[in-house]
Amino acid sequence: MNALARNRFALRGVDGLEFCRVLGTGKGDDTTPSADLARTALFLMWRNEEALHNFLREQVVARQMNEAKEHWYVKLRSAGGMGSWKGYAVPELLERGTDSGRIAIITRAHVHAKSWRTFGKAGVPVDNSLKGADGLLRVVGIGEAPVGMLGTFSLWQSTDHMKQWAYHSPQHQEVMRRTRDEGWYGEEMFARFEPYDSTGTWDGVNPLA
């Protein structure tokens, strides 16, 4: 909880950091609204890899994360997508990679206040379906606020595995239909990434090792 407030200020003005979101996470692999008060996440876009290496070597935030009970880093290249995050078209701004192997997915949305309750209730069967999806390596709920600005980060064996679930899960298809028909979101993003390097562990293992 301290990191959510402190790191927002500590990361301002870091050389080469072009976009930053400090995120809370859900409990375990829960993608419905929940909170793990001992776990935080960062999504950082860098001008180049040199700026990232300088951050990891010199910045207090990076040192604190390295001293945590557990930490995991992954480098991402864009593999396409749509939408924006706080006005930044993230899928279009990152260096282009491929989606021929394992793939990372970020979904995020700014949910209208009038739709919070409906959105939360509708997400439960989708969460249950997702946890049983073939080819899913890891998933975690992410958020910039306890309600309203929520998303997911997931890792998959392949794009085909992800599409098989996304396009053939009745629960997911129903929520996607209601999202469009009922206008739940003010801003949304669906982004695919090539995870090309990772270090550390997530729940005791590196899921991309």
Foldseek 3Di string as FASTA:
>chain_A
DVCLPVVVVQPPPQPFWDDKAKKFWAPFQDQFQHGDPLDIDMDTDGPDVVSVVCCCVPGPVNVVQVPRPFDKDWDWAFADWDWADPPHGVNVPGHHDHQAFKKKKKKKFQFDPVCFVVVRVLCVVVRVLVVPQPFWLGKIKIASDSTRIIIMITIGGGPVSVCCSCVPPPSNVVVVVCCVVVVGGPTIIMTMIDGDDMDIDDPRHDSVD
